Amino acid sequence: MTSWLLLATADAATGAAAGASEGGLFDLDATLPLMAVQVVLLTFILNALFFRPVGRAVEEREGYIATSKADAKQKLAQAERLASDLSEQLREARQAAQGLIVQAEQESDQLYREALAAAQAESIAVREQARSLIEAEKSTALAALREDADRLGSLIVDRLLAA
């Protein structure tokens, strides 16, 4: 086909050179339509061979970019949602931990006070027991002293009367 077009062009060019003397500046013969047909044919060939595949590749790449961008936006939204959920859970966990700490401090304080009260009650009981034991020994000792004093007094009286 290319050889036919070149041959037709060559024939038209030789005919145009021979007939150049007939026309003026522009000679409208078969060369102009032949060139127009060649341009249109070349456009269809280039479009079929190069532009459509390149256009398809560009469209596929644009589609891939669009879907990747949509997926990225969706994943970003999901990540932000998860981050907000996790921060909310963290805040709740901190509040719960703070509540447990306060409760543990209160229980510890209550146990300390109960242990202190029990220790004070025990020390008071031991002190009272010791006091009562001392009082009992004191009264026993006083009774023994009175007996000894009475015996010594009667011994002194007996010796003074006997002498």
Protein backbone atom coordinates (compact mmCIF):
# COMPACT_ATOMS: atom_id res chain seq x y z
CA MET A 1 0.00 0.00 0.00
CA THR A 2 2.84 2.34 0.82
CA SER A 3 4.50 1.63 -2.51
CA TRP A 4 1.22 2.43 -4.31
CA LEU A 5 0.97 5.74 -2.45
CA LEU A 6 4.57 6.61 -3.26
CA LEU A 7 4.04 5.68 -6.88
CA ALA A 8 0.88 7.79 -7.09
CA THR A 9 2.69 10.66 -5.47
CA ALA A 10 5.62 10.36 -7.82
CA ASP A 11 3.30 10.24 -10.86
CA ALA A 12 1.40 13.23 -9.58
CA ALA A 13 4.59 15.16 -8.94
CA THR A 14 5.93 14.47 -12.43
CA GLY A 15 2.59 15.37 -13.92
CA ALA A 16 2.49 18.52 -11.84
CA ALA A 17 5.95 19.48 -13.03
CA ALA A 18 4.92 18.91 -16.61
CA GLY A 19 1.68 20.80 -16.15
CA ALA A 20 3.14 23.57 -14.02
CA SER A 21 3.21 25.71 -16.98
CA GLU A 22 -0.54 25.31 -17.46
CA GLY A 23 -1.82 26.43 -14.05
CA GLY A 24 -0.86 29.26 -11.85
CA LEU A 25 0.39 29.25 -8.29
CA PHE A 26 -1.84 26.36 -7.23
CA ASP A 27 -2.47 23.40 -9.44
CA LEU A 28 -5.33 21.21 -8.15
CA ASP A 29 -4.74 17.75 -9.43
CA ALA A 30 -4.76 14.28 -7.75
CA THR A 31 -1.89 15.13 -5.37
CA LEU A 32 -3.96 17.10 -2.86
CA PRO A 33 -6.67 14.45 -2.31
CA LEU A 34 -3.98 11.78 -2.26
CA MET A 35 -2.11 13.63 0.50
CA ALA A 36 -5.36 14.11 2.42
CA VAL A 37 -6.08 10.39 2.19
CA GLN A 38 -2.52 9.65 3.33
CA VAL A 39 -2.88 11.97 6.36
CA VAL A 40 -6.24 10.46 7.31
CA LEU A 41 -4.90 6.93 6.83
CA LEU A 42 -1.76 7.73 8.84
CA THR A 43 -3.96 9.21 11.59
CA PHE A 44 -6.07 6.03 11.78
CA ILE A 45 -2.96 3.83 11.82
CA LEU A 46 -1.25 5.90 14.51
CA ASN A 47 -4.46 6.03 16.50
CA ALA A 48 -4.89 2.24 16.31
CA LEU A 49 -1.24 1.39 16.98
CA PHE A 50 -0.10 4.01 19.47
CA PHE A 51 -2.72 6.35 20.84
CA ARG A 52 -5.39 3.81 21.90
CA PRO A 53 -2.96 1.55 23.82
CA VAL A 54 -1.34 4.56 25.44
CA GLY A 55 -4.79 5.98 26.22
CA ARG A 56 -5.88 2.66 27.73
CA ALA A 57 -2.72 2.50 29.82
CA VAL A 58 -3.28 6.07 31.01
CA GLU A 59 -6.93 5.33 31.82
CA GLU A 60 -5.96 2.14 33.69
CA ARG A 61 -3.32 4.04 35.62
CA GLU A 62 -5.81 6.80 36.45
CA GLY A 63 -8.31 4.17 37.57
CA TYR A 64 -5.66 2.50 39.72
CA ILE A 65 -4.68 5.85 41.22
CA ALA A 66 -8.34 6.70 41.90
CA THR A 67 -9.03 3.37 43.59
CA SER A 68 -5.77 3.58 45.55
CA LYS A 69 -6.64 7.09 46.65
CA ALA A 70 -10.15 6.01 47.69
CA ASP A 71 -8.72 3.02 49.58
CA ALA A 72 -6.18 5.27 51.27
CA LYS A 73 -8.90 7.71 52.31
CA GLN A 74 -10.99 4.85 53.65
CA LYS A 75 -8.05 3.38 55.55
CA LEU A 76 -7.15 6.82 56.91
CA ALA A 77 -10.72 7.33 58.11
CA GLN A 78 -10.69 3.88 59.68
CA ALA A 79 -7.33 4.58 61.35
CA GLU A 80 -8.62 7.89 62.70
CA ARG A 81 -11.75 6.16 63.99
CA LEU A 82 -9.66 3.46 65.66
CA ALA A 83 -7.34 6.10 67.14
CA SER A 84 -10.29 7.98 68.61
CA ASP A 85 -11.76 4.73 69.97
CA LEU A 86 -8.44 3.78 71.52
CA SER A 87 -7.99 7.23 73.04
CA GLU A 88 -11.50 6.98 74.51
CA GLN A 89 -10.73 3.52 75.92
CA LEU A 90 -7.45 4.82 77.31
CA ARG A 91 -9.24 7.73 78.97
CA GLU A 92 -11.81 5.36 80.48
CA ALA A 93 -9.07 3.00 81.65
CA ARG A 94 -7.23 5.90 83.29
CA GLN A 95 -10.40 6.99 85.05
CA ALA A 96 -11.06 3.43 86.22
CA ALA A 97 -7.47 3.10 87.43
CA GLN A 98 -7.73 6.43 89.25
CA GLY A 99 -10.95 5.22 90.90
CA LEU A 100 -9.26 1.97 91.94
CA ILE A 101 -6.33 3.92 93.37
CA VAL A 102 -8.65 6.15 95.39
CA GLN A 103 -10.60 3.11 96.60
CA ALA A 104 -7.38 1.28 97.54
CA GLU A 105 -6.15 4.35 99.43
CA GLN A 106 -9.44 4.56 101.32
CA GLU A 107 -9.35 0.84 102.16
CA SER A 108 -5.72 1.14 103.23
CA ASP A 109 -6.55 4.13 105.43
CA GLN A 110 -9.51 2.28 106.93
CA LEU A 111 -7.38 -0.81 107.62
CA TYR A 112 -4.70 1.39 109.19
CA ARG A 113 -7.25 3.05 111.44
CA GLU A 114 -8.77 -0.31 112.40
CA ALA A 115 -5.34 -1.77 113.17
CA LEU A 116 -4.42 1.35 115.14
CA ALA A 117 -7.68 1.15 117.10
CA ALA A 118 -7.14 -2.56 117.77
CA ALA A 119 -3.56 -1.92 118.89
CA GLN A 120 -4.70 0.92 121.16
CA ALA A 121 -7.49 -1.24 122.61
CA GLU A 122 -5.02 -4.06 123.20
CA SER A 123 -2.51 -1.73 124.82
CA ILE A 124 -5.25 -0.29 127.05
CA ALA A 125 -6.36 -3.81 127.99
CA VAL A 126 -2.77 -4.86 128.76
CA ARG A 127 -2.21 -1.68 130.77
CA GLU A 128 -5.42 -2.21 132.72
CA GLN A 129 -4.50 -5.82 133.34
CA ALA A 130 -1.04 -4.75 134.51
CA ARG A 131 -2.60 -2.06 136.71
CA SER A 132 -5.01 -4.52 138.27
CA LEU A 133 -2.16 -7.00 138.81
CA ILE A 134 -0.07 -4.26 140.42
CA GLU A 135 -3.01 -3.24 142.59
CA ALA A 136 -3.53 -6.85 143.65
CA GLU A 137 0.15 -7.24 144.49
CA LYS A 138 0.11 -3.87 146.25
CA SER A 139 -2.86 -4.87 148.39
CA THR A 140 -1.22 -8.24 149.10
CA ALA A 141 2.01 -6.50 150.02
CA LEU A 142 0.16 -3.99 152.22
CA ALA A 143 -1.70 -6.80 153.94
CA ALA A 144 1.58 -8.64 154.52
CA LEU A 145 3.14 -5.41 155.84
CA ARG A 146 0.24 -4.84 158.17
CA GLU A 147 0.57 -8.35 159.49
CA ASP A 148 4.29 -7.90 159.94
CA ALA A 149 3.72 -4.51 161.53
CA ASP A 150 1.07 -5.96 163.87
CA ARG A 151 3.31 -8.89 164.75
CA LEU A 152 6.29 -6.59 165.31
CA GLY A 153 4.14 -4.24 167.33
CA SER A 154 2.88 -7.06 169.51
CA LEU A 155 6.42 -8.44 169.80
CA ILE A 156 7.66 -5.01 170.92
CA VAL A 157 4.80 -4.69 173.37
CA ASP A 158 5.50 -8.18 174.72
CA ARG A 159 9.18 -7.45 175.18
CA LEU A 160 8.51 -4.13 176.79
CA LEU A 161 6.02 -5.67 179.14
CA ALA A 162 8.25 -8.57 179.87
CA ALA A 163 11.14 -6.39 180.71
